[in-house]
PDB file of N, CA and C in Angstrom:
ATOM      1  N   MET A   1     -11.918 -11.838  -0.788  1.00  0.00           N
ATOM      2  CA  MET A   1     -11.359 -10.610  -0.263  1.00  0.00           C
ATOM      3  C   MET A   1     -12.142  -9.413  -0.789  1.00  0.00           C
ATOM      4  N   LYS A   2     -12.153  -8.352  -0.003  1.00  0.00           N
ATOM      5  CA  LYS A   2     -12.875  -7.134  -0.371  1.00  0.00           C
ATOM      6  C   LYS A   2     -12.216  -6.462  -1.582  1.00  0.00           C
ATOM      7  N   SER A   3     -13.008  -5.684  -2.290  1.00  0.00           N
ATOM      8  CA  SER A   3     -12.451  -4.938  -3.419  1.00  0.00           C
ATOM      9  C   SER A   3     -11.591  -3.788  -2.897  1.00  0.00           C
ATOM     10  N   ILE A   4     -10.685  -3.314  -3.740  1.00  0.00           N
ATOM     11  CA  ILE A   4      -9.767  -2.250  -3.349  1.00  0.00           C
ATOM     12  C   ILE A   4     -10.127  -0.968  -4.082  1.00  0.00           C
ATOM     13  N   ARG A   5     -10.212   0.119  -3.306  1.00  0.00           N
ATOM     14  CA  ARG A   5     -10.444   1.460  -3.855  1.00  0.00           C
ATOM     15  C   ARG A   5      -9.217   2.313  -3.558  1.00  0.00           C
ATOM     16  N   TYR A   6      -8.974   3.317  -4.370  1.00  0.00           N
ATOM     17  CA  TYR A   6      -7.829   4.204  -4.192  1.00  0.00           C
ATOM     18  C   TYR A   6      -8.339   5.632  -4.051  1.00  0.00           C
ATOM     19  N   ASP A   7      -7.946   6.310  -2.962  1.00  0.00           N
ATOM     20  CA  ASP A   7      -8.369   7.702  -2.859  1.00  0.00           C
ATOM     21  C   ASP A   7      -7.493   8.560  -3.778  1.00  0.00           C
ATOM     22  N   ARG A   8      -7.868   9.791  -3.966  1.00  0.00           N
ATOM     23  CA  ARG A   8      -7.198  10.676  -4.919  1.00  0.00           C
ATOM     24  C   ARG A   8      -5.711  10.835  -4.586  1.00  0.00           C
ATOM     25  N   HIS A   9      -5.405  10.992  -3.300  1.00  0.00           N
ATOM     26  CA  HIS A   9      -4.011  11.131  -2.875  1.00  0.00           C
ATOM     27  C   HIS A   9      -3.188   9.902  -3.280  1.00  0.00           C
ATOM     28  N   ALA A  10      -3.723   8.724  -3.030  1.00  0.00           N
ATOM     29  CA  ALA A  10      -3.010   7.487  -3.380  1.00  0.00           C
ATOM     30  C   ALA A  10      -2.775   7.404  -4.887  1.00  0.00           C
ATOM     31  N   LYS A  11      -3.775   7.754  -5.675  1.00  0.00           N
ATOM     32  CA  LYS A  11      -3.618   7.704  -7.135  1.00  0.00           C
ATOM     33  C   LYS A  11      -2.520   8.651  -7.610  1.00  0.00           C
ATOM     34  N   ARG A  12      -2.469   9.856  -7.017  1.00  0.00           N
ATOM     35  CA  ARG A  12      -1.422  10.807  -7.381  1.00  0.00           C
ATOM     36  C   ARG A  12      -0.042  10.280  -7.019  1.00  0.00           C
ATOM     37  N   ARG A  13       0.086   9.748  -5.818  1.00  0.00           N
ATOM     38  CA  ARG A  13       1.375   9.220  -5.361  1.00  0.00           C
ATOM     39  C   ARG A  13       1.813   8.025  -6.206  1.00  0.00           C
ATOM     40  N   MET A  14       0.878   7.181  -6.567  1.00  0.00           N
ATOM     41  CA  MET A  14       1.206   6.022  -7.400  1.00  0.00           C
ATOM     42  C   MET A  14       1.711   6.470  -8.770  1.00  0.00           C
ATOM     43  N   LYS A  15       1.085   7.481  -9.329  1.00  0.00           N
ATOM     44  CA  LYS A  15       1.516   7.985 -10.632  1.00  0.00           C
ATOM     45  C   LYS A  15       2.917   8.592 -10.524  1.00  0.00           C
ATOM     46  N   GLU A  16       3.137   9.422  -9.487  1.00  0.00           N
ATOM     47  CA  GLU A  16       4.446  10.048  -9.272  1.00  0.00           C
ATOM     48  C   GLU A  16       5.541   9.015  -9.080  1.00  0.00           C
ATOM     49  N   ARG A  17       5.211   7.945  -8.364  1.00  0.00           N
ATOM     50  CA  ARG A  17       6.213   6.953  -7.966  1.00  0.00           C
ATOM     51  C   ARG A  17       6.223   5.723  -8.866  1.00  0.00           C
ATOM     52  N   GLU A  18       5.432   5.788  -9.931  1.00  0.00           N
ATOM     53  CA  GLU A  18       5.364   4.710 -10.930  1.00  0.00           C
ATOM     54  C   GLU A  18       5.062   3.355 -10.308  1.00  0.00           C
ATOM     55  N   VAL A  19       4.005   3.339  -9.498  1.00  0.00           N
ATOM     56  CA  VAL A  19       3.516   2.113  -8.869  1.00  0.00           C
ATOM     57  C   VAL A  19       2.175   1.782  -9.512  1.00  0.00           C
ATOM     58  N   THR A  20       2.024   0.551  -9.972  1.00  0.00           N
ATOM     59  CA  THR A  20       0.780   0.155 -10.617  1.00  0.00           C
ATOM     60  C   THR A  20      -0.256  -0.268  -9.571  1.00  0.00           C
ATOM     61  N   GLU A  21      -1.505  -0.282  -9.979  1.00  0.00           N
ATOM     62  CA  GLU A  21      -2.563  -0.773  -9.091  1.00  0.00           C
ATOM     63  C   GLU A  21      -2.311  -2.238  -8.745  1.00  0.00           C
ATOM     64  N   LYS A  22      -1.797  -3.001  -9.688  1.00  0.00           N
ATOM     65  CA  LYS A  22      -1.501  -4.417  -9.445  1.00  0.00           C
ATOM     66  C   LYS A  22      -0.448  -4.571  -8.339  1.00  0.00           C
ATOM     67  N   GLU A  23       0.602  -3.756  -8.375  1.00  0.00           N
ATOM     68  CA  GLU A  23       1.632  -3.811  -7.330  1.00  0.00           C
ATOM     69  C   GLU A  23       1.052  -3.443  -5.965  1.00  0.00           C
ATOM     70  N   ALA A  24       0.219  -2.409  -5.931  1.00  0.00           N
ATOM     71  CA  ALA A  24      -0.395  -2.000  -4.671  1.00  0.00           C
ATOM     72  C   ALA A  24      -1.329  -3.090  -4.150  1.00  0.00           C
ATOM     73  N   GLU A  25      -2.090  -3.691  -5.052  1.00  0.00           N
ATOM     74  CA  GLU A  25      -3.020  -4.759  -4.673  1.00  0.00           C
ATOM     75  C   GLU A  25      -2.274  -5.971  -4.100  1.00  0.00           C
ATOM     76  N   ILE A  26      -1.189  -6.370  -4.741  1.00  0.00           N
ATOM     77  CA  ILE A  26      -0.402  -7.503  -4.245  1.00  0.00           C
ATOM     78  C   ILE A  26       0.185  -7.180  -2.873  1.00  0.00           C
ATOM     79  N   THR A  27       0.615  -5.939  -2.686  1.00  0.00           N
ATOM     80  CA  THR A  27       1.176  -5.535  -1.396  1.00  0.00           C
ATOM     81  C   THR A  27       0.136  -5.648  -0.295  1.00  0.00           C
ATOM     82  N   VAL A  28      -1.100  -5.252  -0.577  1.00  0.00           N
ATOM     83  CA  VAL A  28      -2.171  -5.333   0.425  1.00  0.00           C
ATOM     84  C   VAL A  28      -2.585  -6.785   0.663  1.00  0.00           C
ATOM     85  N   LYS A  29      -2.723  -7.561  -0.403  1.00  0.00           N
ATOM     86  CA  LYS A  29      -3.236  -8.929  -0.276  1.00  0.00           C
ATOM     87  C   LYS A  29      -2.188  -9.943   0.171  1.00  0.00           C
ATOM     88  N   GLU A  30      -0.917  -9.711  -0.185  1.00  0.00           N
ATOM     89  CA  GLU A  30       0.156 -10.658   0.143  1.00  0.00           C
ATOM     90  C   GLU A  30       1.388  -9.921   0.664  1.00  0.00           C
ATOM     91  N   PRO A  31       1.255  -9.193   1.780  1.00  0.00           N
ATOM     92  CA  PRO A  31       2.392  -8.403   2.276  1.00  0.00           C
ATOM     93  C   PRO A  31       3.502  -9.277   2.853  1.00  0.00           C
ATOM     94  N   ASP A  32       4.731  -8.742   2.814  1.00  0.00           N
ATOM     95  CA  ASP A  32       5.844  -9.404   3.503  1.00  0.00           C
ATOM     96  C   ASP A  32       5.652  -9.251   5.005  1.00  0.00           C
ATOM     97  N   TYR A  33       5.183  -8.080   5.421  1.00  0.00           N
ATOM     98  CA  TYR A  33       4.759  -7.869   6.798  1.00  0.00           C
ATOM     99  C   TYR A  33       3.800  -6.694   6.844  1.00  0.00           C
ATOM    100  N   ILE A  34       3.119  -6.584   7.957  1.00  0.00           N
ATOM    101  CA  ILE A  34       2.075  -5.584   8.119  1.00  0.00           C
ATOM    102  C   ILE A  34       2.129  -5.062   9.543  1.00  0.00           C
ATOM    103  N   GLU A  35       1.800  -3.783   9.721  1.00  0.00           N
ATOM    104  CA  GLU A  35       1.796  -3.204  11.062  1.00  0.00           C
ATOM    105  C   GLU A  35       0.681  -2.162  11.160  1.00  0.00           C
ATOM    106  N   PRO A  36       0.193  -1.920  12.367  1.00  0.00           N
ATOM    107  CA  PRO A  36      -0.842  -0.903  12.540  1.00  0.00           C
ATOM    108  C   PRO A  36      -0.266   0.493  12.310  1.00  0.00           C
ATOM    109  N   SER A  37      -1.113   1.392  11.871  1.00  0.00           N
ATOM    110  CA  SER A  37      -0.747   2.783  11.646  1.00  0.00           C
ATOM    111  C   SER A  37      -1.725   3.658  12.427  1.00  0.00           C
ATOM    112  N   ILE A  38      -1.780   4.931  12.104  1.00  0.00           N
ATOM    113  CA  ILE A  38      -2.679   5.848  12.798  1.00  0.00           C
ATOM    114  C   ILE A  38      -4.100   5.769  12.242  1.00  0.00           C
ATOM    115  N   LYS A  39      -5.055   6.253  13.010  1.00  0.00           N
ATOM    116  CA  LYS A  39      -6.459   6.385  12.584  1.00  0.00           C
ATOM    117  C   LYS A  39      -7.070   5.080  12.084  1.00  0.00           C
ATOM    118  N   GLY A  40      -6.668   3.952  12.689  1.00  0.00           N
ATOM    119  CA  GLY A  40      -7.242   2.665  12.301  1.00  0.00           C
ATOM    120  C   GLY A  40      -6.733   2.122  10.978  1.00  0.00           C
ATOM    121  N   ARG A  41      -5.676   2.717  10.476  1.00  0.00           N
ATOM    122  CA  ARG A  41      -5.090   2.269   9.213  1.00  0.00           C
ATOM    123  C   ARG A  41      -4.043   1.195   9.468  1.00  0.00           C
ATOM    124  N   GLN A  42      -3.586   0.584   8.381  1.00  0.00           N
ATOM    125  CA  GLN A  42      -2.520  -0.404   8.454  1.00  0.00           C
ATOM    126  C   GLN A  42      -1.498  -0.114   7.359  1.00  0.00           C
ATOM    127  N   ASN A  43      -0.249  -0.460   7.631  1.00  0.00           N
ATOM    128  CA  ASN A  43       0.814  -0.356   6.634  1.00  0.00           C
ATOM    129  C   ASN A  43       1.184  -1.762   6.198  1.00  0.00           C
ATOM    130  N   ALA A  44       1.099  -2.003   4.898  1.00  0.00           N
ATOM    131  CA  ALA A  44       1.514  -3.286   4.325  1.00  0.00           C
ATOM    132  C   ALA A  44       2.812  -3.044   3.569  1.00  0.00           C
ATOM    133  N   TYR A  45       3.785  -3.933   3.770  1.00  0.00           N
ATOM    134  CA  TYR A  45       5.098  -3.791   3.154  1.00  0.00           C
ATOM    135  C   TYR A  45       5.374  -4.979   2.240  1.00  0.00           C
ATOM    136  N   LYS A  46       6.034  -4.685   1.115  1.00  0.00           N
ATOM    137  CA  LYS A  46       6.353  -5.752   0.161  1.00  0.00           C
ATOM    138  C   LYS A  46       7.580  -5.345  -0.650  1.00  0.00           C
ATOM    139  N   PHE A  47       8.506  -6.302  -0.832  1.00  0.00           N
ATOM    140  CA  PHE A  47       9.632  -6.097  -1.740  1.00  0.00           C
ATOM    141  C   PHE A  47       9.217  -6.647  -3.092  1.00  0.00           C
ATOM    142  N   THR A  48       9.138  -5.781  -4.083  1.00  0.00           N
ATOM    143  CA  THR A  48       8.715  -6.192  -5.418  1.00  0.00           C
ATOM    144  C   THR A  48       9.362  -5.283  -6.463  1.00  0.00           C
ATOM    145  N   GLY A  49       9.727  -5.853  -7.571  1.00  0.00           N
ATOM    146  CA  GLY A  49      10.294  -5.068  -8.659  1.00  0.00           C
ATOM    147  C   GLY A  49      11.592  -4.361  -8.285  1.00  0.00           C
ATOM    148  N   GLY A  50      12.356  -4.941  -7.350  1.00  0.00           N
ATOM    149  CA  GLY A  50      13.624  -4.341  -6.956  1.00  0.00           C
ATOM    150  C   GLY A  50      13.492  -3.148  -6.033  1.00  0.00           C
ATOM    151  N   ARG A  51      12.321  -2.961  -5.455  1.00  0.00           N
ATOM    152  CA  ARG A  51      12.100  -1.844  -4.531  1.00  0.00           C
ATOM    153  C   ARG A  51      11.146  -2.252  -3.422  1.00  0.00           C
ATOM    154  N   PHE A  52      11.141  -1.467  -2.382  1.00  0.00           N
ATOM    155  CA  PHE A  52      10.279  -1.733  -1.235  1.00  0.00           C
ATOM    156  C   PHE A  52       9.063  -0.816  -1.300  1.00  0.00           C
ATOM    157  N   LEU A  53       7.883  -1.411  -1.210  1.00  0.00           N
ATOM    158  CA  LEU A  53       6.650  -0.633  -1.218  1.00  0.00           C
ATOM    159  C   LEU A  53       6.020  -0.638   0.162  1.00  0.00           C
ATOM    160  N   ARG A  54       5.447   0.498   0.539  1.00  0.00           N
ATOM    161  CA  ARG A  54       4.598   0.574   1.729  1.00  0.00           C
ATOM    162  C   ARG A  54       3.257   1.114   1.258  1.00  0.00           C
ATOM    163  N   VAL A  55       2.216   0.346   1.492  1.00  0.00           N
ATOM    164  CA  VAL A  55       0.870   0.760   1.123  1.00  0.00           C
ATOM    165  C   VAL A  55       0.086   0.955   2.417  1.00  0.00           C
ATOM    166  N   THR A  56      -0.377   2.177   2.632  1.00  0.00           N
ATOM    167  CA  THR A  56      -1.187   2.487   3.812  1.00  0.00           C
ATOM    168  C   THR A  56      -2.647   2.393   3.395  1.00  0.00           C
ATOM    169  N   PHE A  57      -3.403   1.591   4.145  1.00  0.00           N
ATOM    170  CA  PHE A  57      -4.797   1.368   3.781  1.00  0.00           C
ATOM    171  C   PHE A  57      -5.679   1.261   5.019  1.00  0.00           C
ATOM    172  N   LYS A  58      -6.983   1.365   4.777  1.00  0.00           N
ATOM    173  CA  LYS A  58      -7.965   1.218   5.847  1.00  0.00           C
ATOM    174  C   LYS A  58      -9.046   0.259   5.372  1.00  0.00           C
ATOM    175  N   GLU A  59      -9.348  -0.716   6.215  1.00  0.00           N
ATOM    176  CA  GLU A  59     -10.442  -1.638   5.879  1.00  0.00           C
ATOM    177  C   GLU A  59     -11.763  -0.981   6.207  1.00  0.00           C
ATOM    178  N   GLU A  60     -12.615  -0.887   5.214  1.00  0.00           N
ATOM    179  CA  GLU A  60     -13.965  -0.355   5.406  1.00  0.00           C
ATOM    180  C   GLU A  60     -14.932  -1.528   5.354  1.00  0.00           C
ATOM    181  N   GLN A  61     -16.186  -1.248   5.585  1.00  0.00           N
ATOM    182  CA  GLN A  61     -17.177  -2.325   5.641  1.00  0.00           C
ATOM    183  C   GLN A  61     -17.234  -3.128   4.337  1.00  0.00           C
ATOM    184  N   ASP A  62     -17.251  -2.442   3.207  1.00  0.00           N
ATOM    185  CA  ASP A  62     -17.424  -3.119   1.927  1.00  0.00           C
ATOM    186  C   ASP A  62     -16.160  -3.244   1.082  1.00  0.00           C
ATOM    187  N   ASN A  63     -15.110  -2.488   1.433  1.00  0.00           N
ATOM    188  CA  ASN A  63     -13.902  -2.515   0.613  1.00  0.00           C
ATOM    189  C   ASN A  63     -12.676  -2.126   1.425  1.00  0.00           C
ATOM    190  N   ILE A  64     -11.547  -2.094   0.737  1.00  0.00           N
ATOM    191  CA  ILE A  64     -10.284  -1.639   1.314  1.00  0.00           C
ATOM    192  C   ILE A  64      -9.924  -0.339   0.618  1.00  0.00           C
ATOM    193  N   LEU A  65      -9.681   0.717   1.403  1.00  0.00           N
ATOM    194  CA  LEU A  65      -9.338   2.022   0.854  1.00  0.00           C
ATOM    195  C   LEU A  65      -7.841   2.240   0.987  1.00  0.00           C
ATOM    196  N   VAL A  66      -7.150   2.352  -0.152  1.00  0.00           N
ATOM    197  CA  VAL A  66      -5.721   2.659  -0.146  1.00  0.00           C
ATOM    198  C   VAL A  66      -5.582   4.166   0.005  1.00  0.00           C
ATOM    199  N   VAL A  67      -4.820   4.570   1.033  1.00  0.00           N
ATOM    200  CA  VAL A  67      -4.675   5.982   1.374  1.00  0.00           C
ATOM    201  C   VAL A  67      -3.438   6.587   0.718  1.00  0.00           C
ATOM    202  N   THR A  68      -2.309   5.875   0.756  1.00  0.00           N
ATOM    203  CA  THR A  68      -1.085   6.364   0.129  1.00  0.00           C
ATOM    204  C   THR A  68      -0.139   5.204  -0.161  1.00  0.00           C
ATOM    205  N   VAL A  69       0.836   5.480  -1.021  1.00  0.00           N
ATOM    206  CA  VAL A  69       1.843   4.486  -1.403  1.00  0.00           C
ATOM    207  C   VAL A  69       3.205   5.167  -1.372  1.00  0.00           C
ATOM    208  N   THR A  70       4.169   4.499  -0.740  1.00  0.00           N
ATOM    209  CA  THR A  70       5.518   5.022  -0.624  1.00  0.00           C
ATOM    210  C   THR A  70       6.498   3.979  -1.174  1.00  0.00           C
ATOM    211  N   VAL A  71       7.579   4.448  -1.788  1.00  0.00           N
ATOM    212  CA  VAL A  71       8.587   3.571  -2.390  1.00  0.00           C
ATOM    213  C   VAL A  71       9.962   3.908  -1.831  1.00  0.00           C
ATOM    214  N   ARG A  72      10.751   2.877  -1.571  1.00  0.00           N
ATOM    215  CA  ARG A  72      12.147   3.064  -1.161  1.00  0.00           C
ATOM    216  C   ARG A  72      13.028   2.028  -1.847  1.00  0.00           C
ATOM    217  N   LYS A  73      14.296   2.377  -1.991  1.00  0.00           N
ATOM    218  CA  LYS A  73      15.259   1.409  -2.526  1.00  0.00           C
ATOM    219  C   LYS A  73      15.767   0.510  -1.422  1.00  0.00           C
ATOM    220  N   ARG A  74      15.742   1.014  -0.185  1.00  0.00           N
ATOM    221  CA  ARG A  74      16.136   0.202   0.968  1.00  0.00           C
ATOM    222  C   ARG A  74      14.920  -0.102   1.813  1.00  0.00           C
ATOM    223  N   SER A  75      15.048  -1.098   2.644  1.00  0.00           N
ATOM    224  CA  SER A  75      13.941  -1.524   3.489  1.00  0.00           C
ATOM    225  C   SER A  75      13.460  -0.400   4.404  1.00  0.00           C
ATOM    226  N   PHE A  76      12.191  -0.417   4.734  1.00  0.00           N
ATOM    227  CA  PHE A  76      11.629   0.544   5.666  1.00  0.00           C
ATOM    228  C   PHE A  76      12.096   0.267   7.080  1.00  0.00           C
ATOM    229  N   LYS A  77      12.460  -0.977   7.339  1.00  0.00           N
ATOM    230  CA  LYS A  77      12.916  -1.383   8.669  1.00  0.00           C
ATOM    231  C   LYS A  77      14.371  -1.777   8.606  1.00  0.00           C
ATOM    232  N   GLY A  78      15.045  -1.586   9.739  1.00  0.00           N
ATOM    233  CA  GLY A  78      16.418  -2.049   9.822  1.00  0.00           C
ATOM    234  C   GLY A  78      17.352  -1.061   9.371  1.00  0.00           C
TER     235      GLY A  78
END
């Protein structure tokens, strides 16, 4: 699998929301489900650590760029 990079916005959001790089990486590599997003991006969803994570990322030629990370106590769907 490609290496994962985090843009500045994603790093800030992860710090604010107390999400580790490991949690974001697992969400991208082993999502519960995934759906297309805007601008060629994808949203990966995962229930981990008692919360729901959404990691928005874009596959680039050499790596995966994480754009942002969102956390909820309830599912994003339903």
